Amino acid sequence: MPTESSTIKDYHVHVYFDRETQTEAERVRDGLAEHFDVELGRIHFKAVGPHPQWMYQVKFNPDQFGRLVPWLMLNHEGLNVLVHPQTGDDVADHSDNALWLGRKLRLKLGFMRKMAAKKRAQAKA
């Protein structure tokens, strides 16, 4: 049975960059903040969690998807970008349910699986 899109609470965008592409990443971040009602996350100048390189996260509501994602398609400045839903299944949301702009990066899904197992164990306790 198909999963209903109503299970999507919001979306996350992860914009990946390095020292050489930091200026482009800042322009994309500024553009998202200027054109959309988004929640800007911290800028990480190191790999964090499942993410293999520097990045920042942007959170947005499902009703903005139809405008924000096309804007990002045309304005991601050649950066690698992950867009994924938040359904409560972090592993699936970052892999099977995700879409990429630019090159698809290899995320550390093992890290996410361990975190999910830990959450399940805590919920049972």
PDB file of N, CA and C in Angstrom:
ATOM      1  N   MET A   1       0.846  -1.184   0.000  1.00  0.00           N
ATOM      2  CA  MET A   1       0.000   0.000   0.000  1.00  0.00           C
ATOM      3  C   MET A   1       0.889   1.244   0.000  1.00  0.00           C
ATOM      4  N   PRO A   2       0.616   2.211  -0.832  1.00  0.00           N
ATOM      5  CA  PRO A   2       1.443   3.417  -0.894  1.00  0.00           C
ATOM      6  C   PRO A   2       1.376   4.229   0.401  1.00  0.00           C
ATOM      7  N   THR A   3       2.478   4.882   0.705  1.00  0.00           N
ATOM      8  CA  THR A   3       2.516   5.797   1.841  1.00  0.00           C
ATOM      9  C   THR A   3       1.934   7.125   1.396  1.00  0.00           C
ATOM     10  N   GLU A   4       1.098   7.699   2.212  1.00  0.00           N
ATOM     11  CA  GLU A   4       0.474   8.980   1.883  1.00  0.00           C
ATOM     12  C   GLU A   4       1.463  10.125   2.090  1.00  0.00           C
ATOM     13  N   SER A   5       1.429  11.103   1.212  1.00  0.00           N
ATOM     14  CA  SER A   5       2.330  12.254   1.348  1.00  0.00           C
ATOM     15  C   SER A   5       2.002  13.070   2.589  1.00  0.00           C
ATOM     16  N   SER A   6       0.838  12.844   3.183  1.00  0.00           N
ATOM     17  CA  SER A   6       0.486  13.571   4.410  1.00  0.00           C
ATOM     18  C   SER A   6       1.382  13.164   5.579  1.00  0.00           C
ATOM     19  N   THR A   7       2.165  12.081   5.419  1.00  0.00           N
ATOM     20  CA  THR A   7       3.102  11.694   6.475  1.00  0.00           C
ATOM     21  C   THR A   7       4.326  12.603   6.496  1.00  0.00           C
ATOM     22  N   ILE A   8       4.466  13.471   5.512  1.00  0.00           N
ATOM     23  CA  ILE A   8       5.611  14.387   5.444  1.00  0.00           C
ATOM     24  C   ILE A   8       5.326  15.604   6.318  1.00  0.00           C
ATOM     25  N   LYS A   9       6.114  15.729   7.406  1.00  0.00           N
ATOM     26  CA  LYS A   9       5.946  16.864   8.325  1.00  0.00           C
ATOM     27  C   LYS A   9       6.561  18.134   7.749  1.00  0.00           C
ATOM     28  N   ASP A  10       7.738  17.984   7.169  1.00  0.00           N
ATOM     29  CA  ASP A  10       8.443  19.088   6.526  1.00  0.00           C
ATOM     30  C   ASP A  10       9.550  18.495   5.677  1.00  0.00           C
ATOM     31  N   TYR A  11      10.328  19.361   5.062  1.00  0.00           N
ATOM     32  CA  TYR A  11      11.453  18.941   4.223  1.00  0.00           C
ATOM     33  C   TYR A  11      12.737  19.561   4.749  1.00  0.00           C
ATOM     34  N   HIS A  12      13.834  18.864   4.500  1.00  0.00           N
ATOM     35  CA  HIS A  12      15.165  19.392   4.775  1.00  0.00           C
ATOM     36  C   HIS A  12      15.945  19.465   3.468  1.00  0.00           C
ATOM     37  N   VAL A  13      16.714  20.519   3.338  1.00  0.00           N
ATOM     38  CA  VAL A  13      17.694  20.674   2.264  1.00  0.00           C
ATOM     39  C   VAL A  13      19.056  20.678   2.941  1.00  0.00           C
ATOM     40  N   HIS A  14      19.987  19.891   2.439  1.00  0.00           N
ATOM     41  CA  HIS A  14      21.373  19.919   2.903  1.00  0.00           C
ATOM     42  C   HIS A  14      22.216  20.391   1.727  1.00  0.00           C
ATOM     43  N   VAL A  15      22.884  21.514   1.893  1.00  0.00           N
ATOM     44  CA  VAL A  15      23.751  22.075   0.857  1.00  0.00           C
ATOM     45  C   VAL A  15      25.192  21.779   1.262  1.00  0.00           C
ATOM     46  N   TYR A  16      25.901  21.036   0.423  1.00  0.00           N
ATOM     47  CA  TYR A  16      27.268  20.607   0.706  1.00  0.00           C
ATOM     48  C   TYR A  16      28.265  21.535   0.011  1.00  0.00           C
ATOM     49  N   PHE A  17      29.367  21.800   0.711  1.00  0.00           N
ATOM     50  CA  PHE A  17      30.376  22.707   0.164  1.00  0.00           C
ATOM     51  C   PHE A  17      31.717  22.420   0.815  1.00  0.00           C
ATOM     52  N   ASP A  18      32.740  23.102   0.347  1.00  0.00           N
ATOM     53  CA  ASP A  18      34.071  23.026   0.942  1.00  0.00           C
ATOM     54  C   ASP A  18      34.674  24.429   0.921  1.00  0.00           C
ATOM     55  N   ARG A  19      35.931  24.522   1.261  1.00  0.00           N
ATOM     56  CA  ARG A  19      36.596  25.832   1.339  1.00  0.00           C
ATOM     57  C   ARG A  19      36.508  26.585   0.005  1.00  0.00           C
ATOM     58  N   GLU A  20      36.643  25.862  -1.103  1.00  0.00           N
ATOM     59  CA  GLU A  20      36.637  26.499  -2.421  1.00  0.00           C
ATOM     60  C   GLU A  20      35.241  26.941  -2.865  1.00  0.00           C
ATOM     61  N   THR A  21      34.195  26.337  -2.330  1.00  0.00           N
ATOM     62  CA  THR A  21      32.825  26.655  -2.768  1.00  0.00           C
ATOM     63  C   THR A  21      31.994  27.326  -1.669  1.00  0.00           C
ATOM     64  N   GLN A  22      32.654  27.799  -0.638  1.00  0.00           N
ATOM     65  CA  GLN A  22      31.944  28.426   0.480  1.00  0.00           C
ATOM     66  C   GLN A  22      31.166  29.669   0.042  1.00  0.00           C
ATOM     67  N   THR A  23      31.734  30.482  -0.829  1.00  0.00           N
ATOM     68  CA  THR A  23      31.050  31.695  -1.298  1.00  0.00           C
ATOM     69  C   THR A  23      29.760  31.341  -2.020  1.00  0.00           C
ATOM     70  N   GLU A  24      29.808  30.319  -2.870  1.00  0.00           N
ATOM     71  CA  GLU A  24      28.603  29.879  -3.574  1.00  0.00           C
ATOM     72  C   GLU A  24      27.551  29.383  -2.586  1.00  0.00           C
ATOM     73  N   ALA A  25      27.992  28.628  -1.593  1.00  0.00           N
ATOM     74  CA  ALA A  25      27.063  28.106  -0.583  1.00  0.00           C
ATOM     75  C   ALA A  25      26.389  29.239   0.185  1.00  0.00           C
ATOM     76  N   GLU A  26      27.143  30.272   0.484  1.00  0.00           N
ATOM     77  CA  GLU A  26      26.566  31.424   1.190  1.00  0.00           C
ATOM     78  C   GLU A  26      25.542  32.141   0.315  1.00  0.00           C
ATOM     79  N   ARG A  27      25.811  32.241  -0.990  1.00  0.00           N
ATOM     80  CA  ARG A  27      24.843  32.874  -1.896  1.00  0.00           C
ATOM     81  C   ARG A  27      23.543  32.073  -1.972  1.00  0.00           C
ATOM     82  N   VAL A  28      23.662  30.754  -2.049  1.00  0.00           N
ATOM     83  CA  VAL A  28      22.465  29.908  -2.086  1.00  0.00           C
ATOM     84  C   VAL A  28      21.677  30.075  -0.793  1.00  0.00           C
ATOM     85  N   ARG A  29      22.359  30.071   0.325  1.00  0.00           N
ATOM     86  CA  ARG A  29      21.711  30.235   1.641  1.00  0.00           C
ATOM     87  C   ARG A  29      20.990  31.577   1.716  1.00  0.00           C
ATOM     88  N   ASP A  30      21.666  32.632   1.292  1.00  0.00           N
ATOM     89  CA  ASP A  30      21.054  33.969   1.304  1.00  0.00           C
ATOM     90  C   ASP A  30      19.827  34.017   0.397  1.00  0.00           C
ATOM     91  N   GLY A  31      19.915  33.385  -0.775  1.00  0.00           N
ATOM     92  CA  GLY A  31      18.781  33.359  -1.699  1.00  0.00           C
ATOM     93  C   GLY A  31      17.588  32.621  -1.124  1.00  0.00           C
ATOM     94  N   LEU A  32      17.834  31.498  -0.476  1.00  0.00           N
ATOM     95  CA  LEU A  32      16.742  30.750   0.149  1.00  0.00           C
ATOM     96  C   LEU A  32      16.070  31.585   1.234  1.00  0.00           C
ATOM     97  N   ALA A  33      16.876  32.257   2.041  1.00  0.00           N
ATOM     98  CA  ALA A  33      16.323  33.090   3.114  1.00  0.00           C
ATOM     99  C   ALA A  33      15.551  34.280   2.558  1.00  0.00           C
ATOM    100  N   GLU A  34      16.013  34.822   1.443  1.00  0.00           N
ATOM    101  CA  GLU A  34      15.368  35.992   0.847  1.00  0.00           C
ATOM    102  C   GLU A  34      14.036  35.647   0.179  1.00  0.00           C
ATOM    103  N   HIS A  35      13.969  34.508  -0.483  1.00  0.00           N
ATOM    104  CA  HIS A  35      12.803  34.172  -1.304  1.00  0.00           C
ATOM    105  C   HIS A  35      11.763  33.284  -0.629  1.00  0.00           C
ATOM    106  N   PHE A  36      12.134  32.642   0.493  1.00  0.00           N
ATOM    107  CA  PHE A  36      11.243  31.652   1.085  1.00  0.00           C
ATOM    108  C   PHE A  36      11.194  31.785   2.604  1.00  0.00           C
ATOM    109  N   ASP A  37      10.114  31.278   3.166  1.00  0.00           N
ATOM    110  CA  ASP A  37       9.955  31.223   4.618  1.00  0.00           C
ATOM    111  C   ASP A  37      10.583  29.914   5.087  1.00  0.00           C
ATOM    112  N   VAL A  38      11.864  29.967   5.416  1.00  0.00           N
ATOM    113  CA  VAL A  38      12.623  28.772   5.774  1.00  0.00           C
ATOM    114  C   VAL A  38      13.260  28.950   7.145  1.00  0.00           C
ATOM    115  N   GLU A  39      13.649  27.834   7.717  1.00  0.00           N
ATOM    116  CA  GLU A  39      14.404  27.835   8.966  1.00  0.00           C
ATOM    117  C   GLU A  39      15.834  27.427   8.630  1.00  0.00           C
ATOM    118  N   LEU A  40      16.772  28.342   8.814  1.00  0.00           N
ATOM    119  CA  LEU A  40      18.175  28.084   8.483  1.00  0.00           C
ATOM    120  C   LEU A  40      18.867  27.408   9.656  1.00  0.00           C
ATOM    121  N   GLY A  41      19.522  26.293   9.381  1.00  0.00           N
ATOM    122  CA  GLY A  41      20.295  25.602  10.403  1.00  0.00           C
ATOM    123  C   GLY A  41      21.720  26.119  10.452  1.00  0.00           C
ATOM    124  N   ARG A  42      22.464  25.601  11.414  1.00  0.00           N
ATOM    125  CA  ARG A  42      23.868  25.984  11.566  1.00  0.00           C
ATOM    126  C   ARG A  42      24.680  25.586  10.343  1.00  0.00           C
ATOM    127  N   ILE A  43      25.733  26.332  10.101  1.00  0.00           N
ATOM    128  CA  ILE A  43      26.699  25.966   9.064  1.00  0.00           C
ATOM    129  C   ILE A  43      27.758  25.099   9.740  1.00  0.00           C
ATOM    130  N   HIS A  44      27.980  23.911   9.194  1.00  0.00           N
ATOM    131  CA  HIS A  44      28.952  22.975   9.761  1.00  0.00           C
ATOM    132  C   HIS A  44      30.193  22.959   8.878  1.00  0.00           C
ATOM    133  N   PHE A  45      31.311  23.342   9.462  1.00  0.00           N
ATOM    134  CA  PHE A  45      32.585  23.357   8.745  1.00  0.00           C
ATOM    135  C   PHE A  45      33.372  22.075   9.027  1.00  0.00           C
ATOM    136  N   LYS A  46      32.639  20.981   9.131  1.00  0.00           N
ATOM    137  CA  LYS A  46      33.207  19.644   9.284  1.00  0.00           C
ATOM    138  C   LYS A  46      32.091  18.656   8.955  1.00  0.00           C
ATOM    139  N   ALA A  47      32.460  17.418   8.714  1.00  0.00           N
ATOM    140  CA  ALA A  47      31.457  16.373   8.485  1.00  0.00           C
ATOM    141  C   ALA A  47      30.753  16.101   9.811  1.00  0.00           C
ATOM    142  N   VAL A  48      29.427  16.058   9.792  1.00  0.00           N
ATOM    143  CA  VAL A  48      28.647  15.777  11.002  1.00  0.00           C
ATOM    144  C   VAL A  48      27.600  14.708  10.702  1.00  0.00           C
ATOM    145  N   GLY A  49      27.367  13.845  11.686  1.00  0.00           N
ATOM    146  CA  GLY A  49      26.360  12.801  11.522  1.00  0.00           C
ATOM    147  C   GLY A  49      26.616  11.989  10.269  1.00  0.00           C
ATOM    148  N   PRO A  50      25.583  11.795   9.451  1.00  0.00           N
ATOM    149  CA  PRO A  50      25.749  10.990   8.241  1.00  0.00           C
ATOM    150  C   PRO A  50      26.327  11.763   7.058  1.00  0.00           C
ATOM    151  N   HIS A  51      26.572  13.047   7.250  1.00  0.00           N
ATOM    152  CA  HIS A  51      26.973  13.911   6.137  1.00  0.00           C
ATOM    153  C   HIS A  51      28.488  13.886   5.957  1.00  0.00           C
ATOM    154  N   PRO A  52      28.960  13.620   4.728  1.00  0.00           N
ATOM    155  CA  PRO A  52      30.379  13.381   4.487  1.00  0.00           C
ATOM    156  C   PRO A  52      31.257  14.623   4.356  1.00  0.00           C
ATOM    157  N   GLN A  53      30.659  15.805   4.331  1.00  0.00           N
ATOM    158  CA  GLN A  53      31.471  17.013   4.194  1.00  0.00           C
ATOM    159  C   GLN A  53      30.734  18.205   4.792  1.00  0.00           C
ATOM    160  N   TRP A  54      31.356  19.361   4.718  1.00  0.00           N
ATOM    161  CA  TRP A  54      30.748  20.578   5.238  1.00  0.00           C
ATOM    162  C   TRP A  54      29.362  20.742   4.632  1.00  0.00           C
ATOM    163  N   MET A  55      28.459  21.304   5.431  1.00  0.00           N
ATOM    164  CA  MET A  55      27.108  21.510   4.907  1.00  0.00           C
ATOM    165  C   MET A  55      26.325  22.399   5.859  1.00  0.00           C
ATOM    166  N   TYR A  56      25.184  22.839   5.378  1.00  0.00           N
ATOM    167  CA  TYR A  56      24.177  23.447   6.244  1.00  0.00           C
ATOM    168  C   TYR A  56      22.829  22.881   5.849  1.00  0.00           C
ATOM    169  N   GLN A  57      21.902  22.988   6.788  1.00  0.00           N
ATOM    170  CA  GLN A  57      20.553  22.462   6.580  1.00  0.00           C
ATOM    171  C   GLN A  57      19.562  23.611   6.515  1.00  0.00           C
ATOM    172  N   VAL A  58      18.561  23.438   5.689  1.00  0.00           N
ATOM    173  CA  VAL A  58      17.455  24.389   5.578  1.00  0.00           C
ATOM    174  C   VAL A  58      16.168  23.579   5.699  1.00  0.00           C
ATOM    175  N   LYS A  59      15.279  24.018   6.573  1.00  0.00           N
ATOM    176  CA  LYS A  59      14.001  23.329   6.786  1.00  0.00           C
ATOM    177  C   LYS A  59      12.883  24.162   6.175  1.00  0.00           C
ATOM    178  N   PHE A  60      11.935  23.480   5.493  1.00  0.00           N
ATOM    179  CA  PHE A  60      10.803  24.211   4.928  1.00  0.00           C
ATOM    180  C   PHE A  60       9.543  23.360   4.953  1.00  0.00           C
ATOM    181  N   ASN A  61       8.404  24.012   4.904  1.00  0.00           N
ATOM    182  CA  ASN A  61       7.102  23.353   4.960  1.00  0.00           C
ATOM    183  C   ASN A  61       6.732  22.743   3.611  1.00  0.00           C
ATOM    184  N   PRO A  62       5.935  21.663   3.629  1.00  0.00           N
ATOM    185  CA  PRO A  62       5.539  21.002   2.382  1.00  0.00           C
ATOM    186  C   PRO A  62       4.854  21.921   1.371  1.00  0.00           C
ATOM    187  N   ASP A  63       4.127  22.921   1.837  1.00  0.00           N
ATOM    188  CA  ASP A  63       3.419  23.795   0.891  1.00  0.00           C
ATOM    189  C   ASP A  63       4.363  24.660   0.053  1.00  0.00           C
ATOM    190  N   GLN A  64       5.651  24.697   0.399  1.00  0.00           N
ATOM    191  CA  GLN A  64       6.629  25.475  -0.370  1.00  0.00           C
ATOM    192  C   GLN A  64       7.406  24.629  -1.381  1.00  0.00           C
ATOM    193  N   PHE A  65       7.217  23.306  -1.338  1.00  0.00           N
ATOM    194  CA  PHE A  65       8.006  22.407  -2.179  1.00  0.00           C
ATOM    195  C   PHE A  65       7.939  22.791  -3.656  1.00  0.00           C
ATOM    196  N   GLY A  66       6.749  23.064  -4.158  1.00  0.00           N
ATOM    197  CA  GLY A  66       6.553  23.348  -5.581  1.00  0.00           C
ATOM    198  C   GLY A  66       7.227  24.615  -6.068  1.00  0.00           C
ATOM    199  N   ARG A  67       7.562  25.515  -5.169  1.00  0.00           N
ATOM    200  CA  ARG A  67       8.279  26.744  -5.544  1.00  0.00           C
ATOM    201  C   ARG A  67       9.759  26.653  -5.182  1.00  0.00           C
ATOM    202  N   LEU A  68      10.041  26.129  -3.986  1.00  0.00           N
ATOM    203  CA  LEU A  68      11.414  26.133  -3.485  1.00  0.00           C
ATOM    204  C   LEU A  68      12.317  25.182  -4.281  1.00  0.00           C
ATOM    205  N   VAL A  69      11.876  23.969  -4.527  1.00  0.00           N
ATOM    206  CA  VAL A  69      12.742  23.005  -5.216  1.00  0.00           C
ATOM    207  C   VAL A  69      13.061  23.450  -6.646  1.00  0.00           C
ATOM    208  N   PRO A  70      12.091  23.922  -7.441  1.00  0.00           N
ATOM    209  CA  PRO A  70      12.465  24.443  -8.762  1.00  0.00           C
ATOM    210  C   PRO A  70      13.447  25.618  -8.682  1.00  0.00           C
ATOM    211  N   TRP A  71      13.271  26.504  -7.703  1.00  0.00           N
ATOM    212  CA  TRP A  71      14.213  27.608  -7.520  1.00  0.00           C
ATOM    213  C   TRP A  71      15.604  27.046  -7.248  1.00  0.00           C
ATOM    214  N   LEU A  72      15.672  26.055  -6.367  1.00  0.00           N
ATOM    215  CA  LEU A  72      16.956  25.453  -6.017  1.00  0.00           C
ATOM    216  C   LEU A  72      17.584  24.736  -7.210  1.00  0.00           C
ATOM    217  N   MET A  73      16.765  24.115  -8.049  1.00  0.00           N
ATOM    218  CA  MET A  73      17.277  23.450  -9.254  1.00  0.00           C
ATOM    219  C   MET A  73      18.026  24.429 -10.145  1.00  0.00           C
ATOM    220  N   LEU A  74      17.527  25.642 -10.217  1.00  0.00           N
ATOM    221  CA  LEU A  74      18.115  26.659 -11.093  1.00  0.00           C
ATOM    222  C   LEU A  74      19.169  27.514 -10.406  1.00  0.00           C
ATOM    223  N   ASN A  75      19.272  27.438  -9.083  1.00  0.00           N
ATOM    224  CA  ASN A  75      20.142  28.347  -8.333  1.00  0.00           C
ATOM    225  C   ASN A  75      21.059  27.657  -7.328  1.00  0.00           C
ATOM    226  N   HIS A  76      21.369  26.370  -7.512  1.00  0.00           N
ATOM    227  CA  HIS A  76      22.228  25.687  -6.533  1.00  0.00           C
ATOM    228  C   HIS A  76      23.715  25.898  -6.804  1.00  0.00           C
ATOM    229  N   GLU A  77      24.032  26.701  -7.802  1.00  0.00           N
ATOM    230  CA  GLU A  77      25.412  27.145  -8.077  1.00  0.00           C
ATOM    231  C   GLU A  77      26.389  25.985  -8.265  1.00  0.00           C
ATOM    232  N   GLY A  78      25.907  24.862  -8.790  1.00  0.00           N
ATOM    233  CA  GLY A  78      26.781  23.722  -9.034  1.00  0.00           C
ATOM    234  C   GLY A  78      27.103  22.903  -7.801  1.00  0.00           C
ATOM    235  N   LEU A  79      26.530  23.267  -6.661  1.00  0.00           N
ATOM    236  CA  LEU A  79      26.786  22.534  -5.422  1.00  0.00           C
ATOM    237  C   LEU A  79      25.947  21.256  -5.382  1.00  0.00           C
ATOM    238  N   ASN A  80      26.402  20.312  -4.595  1.00  0.00           N
ATOM    239  CA  ASN A  80      25.641  19.082  -4.368  1.00  0.00           C
ATOM    240  C   ASN A  80      24.632  19.348  -3.260  1.00  0.00           C
ATOM    241  N   VAL A  81      23.379  18.994  -3.531  1.00  0.00           N
ATOM    242  CA  VAL A  81      22.287  19.324  -2.614  1.00  0.00           C
ATOM    243  C   VAL A  81      21.399  18.102  -2.431  1.00  0.00           C
ATOM    244  N   LEU A  82      21.102  17.796  -1.183  1.00  0.00           N
ATOM    245  CA  LEU A  82      20.168  16.731  -0.829  1.00  0.00           C
ATOM    246  C   LEU A  82      18.864  17.371  -0.371  1.00  0.00           C
ATOM    247  N   VAL A  83      17.747  16.914  -0.919  1.00  0.00           N
ATOM    248  CA  VAL A  83      16.414  17.343  -0.479  1.00  0.00           C
ATOM    249  C   VAL A  83      15.696  16.084  -0.017  1.00  0.00           C
ATOM    250  N   HIS A  84      15.180  16.105   1.216  1.00  0.00           N
ATOM    251  CA  HIS A  84      14.485  14.914   1.707  1.00  0.00           C
ATOM    252  C   HIS A  84      13.317  15.290   2.606  1.00  0.00           C
ATOM    253  N   PRO A  85      12.308  14.402   2.640  1.00  0.00           N
ATOM    254  CA  PRO A  85      11.173  14.629   3.524  1.00  0.00           C
ATOM    255  C   PRO A  85      11.525  14.224   4.953  1.00  0.00           C
ATOM    256  N   GLN A  86      10.721  14.673   5.885  1.00  0.00           N
ATOM    257  CA  GLN A  86      10.790  14.243   7.279  1.00  0.00           C
ATOM    258  C   GLN A  86       9.514  13.461   7.563  1.00  0.00           C
ATOM    259  N   THR A  87       9.621  12.134   7.527  1.00  0.00           N
ATOM    260  CA  THR A  87       8.460  11.275   7.772  1.00  0.00           C
ATOM    261  C   THR A  87       8.561  10.535   9.097  1.00  0.00           C
ATOM    262  N   GLY A  88       9.720  10.633   9.745  1.00  0.00           N
ATOM    263  CA  GLY A  88       9.959   9.874  10.962  1.00  0.00           C
ATOM    264  C   GLY A  88      10.865   8.676  10.733  1.00  0.00           C
ATOM    265  N   ASP A  89      11.174   8.365   9.480  1.00  0.00           N
ATOM    266  CA  ASP A  89      12.085   7.279   9.137  1.00  0.00           C
ATOM    267  C   ASP A  89      13.340   7.907   8.538  1.00  0.00           C
ATOM    268  N   ASP A  90      14.287   8.262   9.409  1.00  0.00           N
ATOM    269  CA  ASP A  90      15.476   9.003   8.973  1.00  0.00           C
ATOM    270  C   ASP A  90      16.282   8.275   7.905  1.00  0.00           C
ATOM    271  N   VAL A  91      16.419   6.956   8.042  1.00  0.00           N
ATOM    272  CA  VAL A  91      17.219   6.207   7.069  1.00  0.00           C
ATOM    273  C   VAL A  91      16.571   6.283   5.690  1.00  0.00           C
ATOM    274  N   ALA A  92      15.296   5.956   5.594  1.00  0.00           N
ATOM    275  CA  ALA A  92      14.598   6.006   4.300  1.00  0.00           C
ATOM    276  C   ALA A  92      14.543   7.428   3.757  1.00  0.00           C
ATOM    277  N   ASP A  93      14.319   8.394   4.639  1.00  0.00           N
ATOM    278  CA  ASP A  93      14.212   9.779   4.179  1.00  0.00           C
ATOM    279  C   ASP A  93      15.509  10.280   3.566  1.00  0.00           C
ATOM    280  N   HIS A  94      16.649   9.831   4.082  1.00  0.00           N
ATOM    281  CA  HIS A  94      17.947  10.259   3.561  1.00  0.00           C
ATOM    282  C   HIS A  94      18.443   9.385   2.404  1.00  0.00           C
ATOM    283  N   SER A  95      17.713   8.317   2.079  1.00  0.00           N
ATOM    284  CA  SER A  95      18.160   7.425   1.000  1.00  0.00           C
ATOM    285  C   SER A  95      17.049   7.230  -0.031  1.00  0.00           C
ATOM    286  N   ASP A  96      16.164   6.301   0.194  1.00  0.00           N
ATOM    287  CA  ASP A  96      15.128   5.963  -0.791  1.00  0.00           C
ATOM    288  C   ASP A  96      14.179   7.113  -1.095  1.00  0.00           C
ATOM    289  N   ASN A  97      13.889   7.948  -0.113  1.00  0.00           N
ATOM    290  CA  ASN A  97      12.917   9.037  -0.290  1.00  0.00           C
ATOM    291  C   ASN A  97      13.551  10.361  -0.701  1.00  0.00           C
ATOM    292  N   ALA A  98      14.853  10.378  -0.914  1.00  0.00           N
ATOM    293  CA  ALA A  98      15.589  11.620  -1.165  1.00  0.00           C
ATOM    294  C   ALA A  98      15.722  11.920  -2.654  1.00  0.00           C
ATOM    295  N   LEU A  99      15.972  13.190  -2.942  1.00  0.00           N
ATOM    296  CA  LEU A  99      16.367  13.578  -4.293  1.00  0.00           C
ATOM    297  C   LEU A  99      17.620  14.434  -4.189  1.00  0.00           C
ATOM    298  N   TRP A 100      18.410  14.392  -5.249  1.00  0.00           N
ATOM    299  CA  TRP A 100      19.698  15.078  -5.279  1.00  0.00           C
ATOM    300  C   TRP A 100      19.761  16.049  -6.446  1.00  0.00           C
ATOM    301  N   LEU A 101      20.415  17.165  -6.201  1.00  0.00           N
ATOM    302  CA  LEU A 101      20.810  18.106  -7.249  1.00  0.00           C
ATOM    303  C   LEU A 101      22.330  18.073  -7.270  1.00  0.00           C
ATOM    304  N   GLY A 102      22.919  18.057  -8.450  1.00  0.00           N
ATOM    305  CA  GLY A 102      24.362  17.877  -8.534  1.00  0.00           C
ATOM    306  C   GLY A 102      24.683  16.403  -8.384  1.00  0.00           C
ATOM    307  N   ARG A 103      25.799  16.127  -7.756  1.00  0.00           N
ATOM    308  CA  ARG A 103      26.267  14.744  -7.597  1.00  0.00           C
ATOM    309  C   ARG A 103      25.705  14.139  -6.311  1.00  0.00           C
ATOM    310  N   LYS A 104      25.274  12.890  -6.391  1.00  0.00           N
ATOM    311  CA  LYS A 104      24.784  12.177  -5.209  1.00  0.00           C
ATOM    312  C   LYS A 104      25.982  11.761  -4.367  1.00  0.00           C
ATOM    313  N   LEU A 105      26.009  12.197  -3.119  1.00  0.00           N
ATOM    314  CA  LEU A 105      27.099  11.857  -2.212  1.00  0.00           C
ATOM    315  C   LEU A 105      26.742  10.603  -1.422  1.00  0.00           C
ATOM    316  N   ARG A 106      27.766   9.904  -0.978  1.00  0.00           N
ATOM    317  CA  ARG A 106      27.555   8.707  -0.157  1.00  0.00           C
ATOM    318  C   ARG A 106      27.411   9.145   1.300  1.00  0.00           C
ATOM    319  N   LEU A 107      26.210   9.013   1.831  1.00  0.00           N
ATOM    320  CA  LEU A 107      25.963   9.338   3.230  1.00  0.00           C
ATOM    321  C   LEU A 107      26.341   8.156   4.110  1.00  0.00           C
ATOM    322  N   LYS A 108      26.623   8.438   5.369  1.00  0.00           N
ATOM    323  CA  LYS A 108      26.968   7.390   6.336  1.00  0.00           C
ATOM    324  C   LYS A 108      25.669   6.837   6.926  1.00  0.00           C
ATOM    325  N   LEU A 109      24.993   6.005   6.149  1.00  0.00           N
ATOM    326  CA  LEU A 109      23.698   5.475   6.579  1.00  0.00           C
ATOM    327  C   LEU A 109      23.841   4.510   7.747  1.00  0.00           C
ATOM    328  N   GLY A 110      24.989   3.881   7.897  1.00  0.00           N
ATOM    329  CA  GLY A 110      25.227   3.016   9.058  1.00  0.00           C
ATOM    330  C   GLY A 110      25.078   3.800  10.348  1.00  0.00           C
ATOM    331  N   PHE A 111      25.570   5.023  10.362  1.00  0.00           N
ATOM    332  CA  PHE A 111      25.420   5.916  11.519  1.00  0.00           C
ATOM    333  C   PHE A 111      23.939   6.116  11.820  1.00  0.00           C
ATOM    334  N   MET A 112      23.159   6.364  10.778  1.00  0.00           N
ATOM    335  CA  MET A 112      21.727   6.615  10.962  1.00  0.00           C
ATOM    336  C   MET A 112      21.005   5.355  11.432  1.00  0.00           C
ATOM    337  N   ARG A 113      21.397   4.202  10.913  1.00  0.00           N
ATOM    338  CA  ARG A 113      20.766   2.947  11.346  1.00  0.00           C
ATOM    339  C   ARG A 113      21.031   2.692  12.827  1.00  0.00           C
ATOM    340  N   LYS A 114      22.258   2.975  13.283  1.00  0.00           N
ATOM    341  CA  LYS A 114      22.585   2.810  14.705  1.00  0.00           C
ATOM    342  C   LYS A 114      21.749   3.748  15.562  1.00  0.00           C
ATOM    343  N   MET A 115      21.597   4.992  15.119  1.00  0.00           N
ATOM    344  CA  MET A 115      20.788   5.959  15.876  1.00  0.00           C
ATOM    345  C   MET A 115      19.324   5.512  15.930  1.00  0.00           C
ATOM    346  N   ALA A 116      18.806   4.989  14.825  1.00  0.00           N
ATOM    347  CA  ALA A 116      17.413   4.522  14.783  1.00  0.00           C
ATOM    348  C   ALA A 116      17.225   3.332  15.720  1.00  0.00           C
ATOM    349  N   ALA A 117      18.191   2.414  15.746  1.00  0.00           N
ATOM    350  CA  ALA A 117      18.100   1.256  16.637  1.00  0.00           C
ATOM    351  C   ALA A 117      18.140   1.698  18.096  1.00  0.00           C
ATOM    352  N   LYS A 118      18.960   2.690  18.378  1.00  0.00           N
ATOM    353  CA  LYS A 118      19.056   3.223  19.741  1.00  0.00           C
ATOM    354  C   LYS A 118      17.721   3.842  20.170  1.00  0.00           C
ATOM    355  N   LYS A 119      17.085   4.596  19.273  1.00  0.00           N
ATOM    356  CA  LYS A 119      15.777   5.196  19.567  1.00  0.00           C
ATOM    357  C   LYS A 119      14.730   4.122  19.837  1.00  0.00           C
ATOM    358  N   ARG A 120      14.738   3.067  19.011  1.00  0.00           N
ATOM    359  CA  ARG A 120      13.768   1.981  19.199  1.00  0.00           C
ATOM    360  C   ARG A 120      13.978   1.297  20.543  1.00  0.00           C
ATOM    361  N   ALA A 121      15.241   1.071  20.908  1.00  0.00           N
ATOM    362  CA  ALA A 121      15.549   0.422  22.182  1.00  0.00           C
ATOM    363  C   ALA A 121      15.101   1.290  23.354  1.00  0.00           C
ATOM    364  N   GLN A 122      15.306   2.594  23.249  1.00  0.00           N
ATOM    365  CA  GLN A 122      14.884   3.506  24.317  1.00  0.00           C
ATOM    366  C   GLN A 122      13.369   3.560  24.427  1.00  0.00           C
ATOM    367  N   ALA A 123      12.684   3.471  23.296  1.00  0.00           N
ATOM    368  CA  ALA A 123      11.218   3.508  23.304  1.00  0.00           C
ATOM    369  C   ALA A 123      10.639   2.261  23.972  1.00  0.00           C
ATOM    370  N   LYS A 124      11.332   1.129  23.834  1.00  0.00           N
ATOM    371  CA  LYS A 124      10.866  -0.116  24.448  1.00  0.00           C
ATOM    372  C   LYS A 124      11.121  -0.137  25.947  1.00  0.00           C
ATOM    373  N   ALA A 125      12.131   0.606  26.399  1.00  0.00           N
ATOM    374  CA  ALA A 125      12.524   0.587  27.824  1.00  0.00           C
ATOM    375  C   ALA A 125      11.532   1.305  28.714  1.00  0.00           C
TER     376      ALA A 125
END
